[in-house]
């Protein structure tokens, strides 16, 4: 998994590539939480993510709860169909914000 961070005036974009699974979810979660220390608006670009496991879902849930607790925003963009299917099947499609 790779994560490239881009900062704009209004947000931080985390462009993520690869798999978000048991082996990578801790690093992913840490990068998301660190981004909230720099900005109140985080966009997670999932265009190049082809797989997300339950550990990855947990990392996104921690990010969403952190955003809610501190009055920030976290949105997911460019989600691949197979990843969106996981969000839909698990109910995360109703919990997370997509743009």
C-alpha atoms as a PDB file:
ATOM      1  CA  UNK A   1       0.000   0.000   0.000  1.00  0.00           C
ATOM      2  CA  UNK A   2       1.138   3.512  -0.812  1.00  0.00           C
ATOM      3  CA  UNK A   3      -0.260   6.781   0.527  1.00  0.00           C
ATOM      4  CA  UNK A   4       0.635  10.089  -1.079  1.00  0.00           C
ATOM      5  CA  UNK A   5      -0.392  13.233   0.739  1.00  0.00           C
ATOM      6  CA  UNK A   6      -1.298  16.440  -1.048  1.00  0.00           C
ATOM      7  CA  UNK A   7      -2.208  19.601   0.806  1.00  0.00           C
ATOM      8  CA  UNK A   8      -4.431  22.310  -0.635  1.00  0.00           C
ATOM      9  CA  UNK A   9      -5.690  25.467   1.031  1.00  0.00           C
ATOM     10  CA  UNK A  10      -8.877  23.759   2.161  1.00  0.00           C
ATOM     11  CA  UNK A  11      -7.965  20.100   2.700  1.00  0.00           C
ATOM     12  CA  UNK A  12      -5.496  17.253   2.759  1.00  0.00           C
ATOM     13  CA  UNK A  13      -5.897  14.591   0.085  1.00  0.00           C
ATOM     14  CA  UNK A  14      -4.608  11.112   0.879  1.00  0.00           C
ATOM     15  CA  UNK A  15      -4.187   9.243  -2.400  1.00  0.00           C
ATOM     16  CA  UNK A  16      -4.106   5.594  -1.453  1.00  0.00           C
ATOM     17  CA  UNK A  17      -3.029   2.708  -3.686  1.00  0.00           C
ATOM     18  CA  UNK A  18      -2.994  -1.035  -3.146  1.00  0.00           C
ATOM     19  CA  UNK A  19      -4.732  -3.106  -0.494  1.00  0.00           C
ATOM     20  CA  UNK A  20      -5.975  -1.864   2.863  1.00  0.00           C
ATOM     21  CA  UNK A  21      -5.847  -5.050   4.893  1.00  0.00           C
ATOM     22  CA  UNK A  22      -4.551  -6.498   8.156  1.00  0.00           C
ATOM     23  CA  UNK A  23      -0.954  -5.806   7.138  1.00  0.00           C
ATOM     24  CA  UNK A  24      -1.480  -2.183   6.118  1.00  0.00           C
ATOM     25  CA  UNK A  25      -4.483  -0.906   8.087  1.00  0.00           C
ATOM     26  CA  UNK A  26      -2.477   0.295  11.098  1.00  0.00           C
ATOM     27  CA  UNK A  27      -0.282   2.486   8.893  1.00  0.00           C
ATOM     28  CA  UNK A  28      -3.343   3.705   6.985  1.00  0.00           C
ATOM     29  CA  UNK A  29      -5.192   4.609  10.190  1.00  0.00           C
ATOM     30  CA  UNK A  30      -2.143   6.414  11.553  1.00  0.00           C
ATOM     31  CA  UNK A  31      -1.817   8.499   8.368  1.00  0.00           C
ATOM     32  CA  UNK A  32      -5.519   9.447   8.503  1.00  0.00           C
ATOM     33  CA  UNK A  33      -5.317  10.483  12.160  1.00  0.00           C
ATOM     34  CA  UNK A  34      -2.107  12.421  11.554  1.00  0.00           C
ATOM     35  CA  UNK A  35      -3.795  14.279   8.689  1.00  0.00           C
ATOM     36  CA  UNK A  36      -6.500  15.477  11.110  1.00  0.00           C
ATOM     37  CA  UNK A  37      -3.755  17.156  13.145  1.00  0.00           C
ATOM     38  CA  UNK A  38      -2.956  19.287  10.079  1.00  0.00           C
ATOM     39  CA  UNK A  39      -6.402  19.950   8.584  1.00  0.00           C
ATOM     40  CA  UNK A  40     -10.085  19.770   9.450  1.00  0.00           C
ATOM     41  CA  UNK A  41     -10.994  18.387   6.000  1.00  0.00           C
ATOM     42  CA  UNK A  42      -9.541  15.087   4.794  1.00  0.00           C
ATOM     43  CA  UNK A  43     -10.262  13.570   1.397  1.00  0.00           C
ATOM     44  CA  UNK A  44      -9.288   9.935   0.949  1.00  0.00           C
ATOM     45  CA  UNK A  45      -8.870   9.104  -2.736  1.00  0.00           C
ATOM     46  CA  UNK A  46      -9.432   5.359  -3.162  1.00  0.00           C
ATOM     47  CA  UNK A  47      -9.131   5.219  -6.954  1.00  0.00           C
ATOM     48  CA  UNK A  48      -6.202   2.804  -6.805  1.00  0.00           C
ATOM     49  CA  UNK A  49      -7.460   0.683  -3.890  1.00  0.00           C
ATOM     50  CA  UNK A  50      -8.703  -2.658  -5.160  1.00  0.00           C
ATOM     51  CA  UNK A  51      -9.337  -4.401  -1.832  1.00  0.00           C
ATOM     52  CA  UNK A  52     -10.332  -3.454   1.711  1.00  0.00           C
ATOM     53  CA  UNK A  53     -10.618  -5.903   4.592  1.00  0.00           C
ATOM     54  CA  UNK A  54     -12.454  -5.621   7.898  1.00  0.00           C
ATOM     55  CA  UNK A  55      -9.268  -4.144   9.380  1.00  0.00           C
ATOM     56  CA  UNK A  56      -9.372  -1.429   6.708  1.00  0.00           C
ATOM     57  CA  UNK A  57     -13.041  -0.787   7.439  1.00  0.00           C
ATOM     58  CA  UNK A  58     -12.167  -0.369  11.105  1.00  0.00           C
ATOM     59  CA  UNK A  59      -9.453   2.172  10.229  1.00  0.00           C
ATOM     60  CA  UNK A  60     -11.983   4.184   8.197  1.00  0.00           C
ATOM     61  CA  UNK A  61     -14.495   3.996  11.045  1.00  0.00           C
ATOM     62  CA  UNK A  62     -11.891   5.355  13.472  1.00  0.00           C
ATOM     63  CA  UNK A  63     -11.230   8.192  10.998  1.00  0.00           C
ATOM     64  CA  UNK A  64     -14.947   8.960  10.633  1.00  0.00           C
ATOM     65  CA  UNK A  65     -15.463   8.981  14.408  1.00  0.00           C
ATOM     66  CA  UNK A  66     -12.427  11.215  14.869  1.00  0.00           C
ATOM     67  CA  UNK A  67     -13.789  13.641  12.277  1.00  0.00           C
ATOM     68  CA  UNK A  68     -17.169  13.712  14.001  1.00  0.00           C
ATOM     69  CA  UNK A  69     -15.657  14.180  17.470  1.00  0.00           C
ATOM     70  CA  UNK A  70     -13.520  17.149  16.453  1.00  0.00           C
ATOM     71  CA  UNK A  71     -15.993  18.801  14.081  1.00  0.00           C
ATOM     72  CA  UNK A  72     -13.983  17.887  10.997  1.00  0.00           C
ATOM     73  CA  UNK A  73     -14.871  16.256   7.666  1.00  0.00           C
ATOM     74  CA  UNK A  74     -13.638  13.067   6.055  1.00  0.00           C
ATOM     75  CA  UNK A  75     -14.835  12.097   2.579  1.00  0.00           C
ATOM     76  CA  UNK A  76     -13.996   9.145   0.366  1.00  0.00           C
ATOM     77  CA  UNK A  77     -13.627   9.727  -3.361  1.00  0.00           C
ATOM     78  CA  UNK A  78     -13.150   7.652  -6.517  1.00  0.00           C
ATOM     79  CA  UNK A  79     -14.134   4.385  -4.838  1.00  0.00           C
ATOM     80  CA  UNK A  80     -13.776   1.345  -7.091  1.00  0.00           C
ATOM     81  CA  UNK A  81     -16.955  -0.757  -7.599  1.00  0.00           C
ATOM     82  CA  UNK A  82     -15.583  -3.813  -5.781  1.00  0.00           C
ATOM     83  CA  UNK A  83     -14.646  -1.681  -2.763  1.00  0.00           C
ATOM     84  CA  UNK A  84     -18.009   0.115  -2.822  1.00  0.00           C
ATOM     85  CA  UNK A  85     -19.664  -3.281  -2.791  1.00  0.00           C
ATOM     86  CA  UNK A  86     -17.852  -4.095   0.465  1.00  0.00           C
ATOM     87  CA  UNK A  87     -19.062  -0.781   1.942  1.00  0.00           C
ATOM     88  CA  UNK A  88     -22.626  -1.550   0.856  1.00  0.00           C
ATOM     89  CA  UNK A  89     -22.655  -5.147   2.103  1.00  0.00           C
ATOM     90  CA  UNK A  90     -21.270  -4.185   5.517  1.00  0.00           C
ATOM     91  CA  UNK A  91     -23.476  -1.122   6.036  1.00  0.00           C
ATOM     92  CA  UNK A  92     -20.497   1.224   5.898  1.00  0.00           C
ATOM     93  CA  UNK A  93     -22.076   2.929   2.897  1.00  0.00           C
ATOM     94  CA  UNK A  94     -24.477   4.539   5.371  1.00  0.00           C
ATOM     95  CA  UNK A  95     -21.786   5.479   7.897  1.00  0.00           C
ATOM     96  CA  UNK A  96     -19.093   6.978   5.667  1.00  0.00           C
ATOM     97  CA  UNK A  97     -19.303  10.101   3.510  1.00  0.00           C
ATOM     98  CA  UNK A  98     -18.674   9.830  -0.232  1.00  0.00           C
ATOM     99  CA  UNK A  99     -18.099  12.619  -2.760  1.00  0.00           C
END
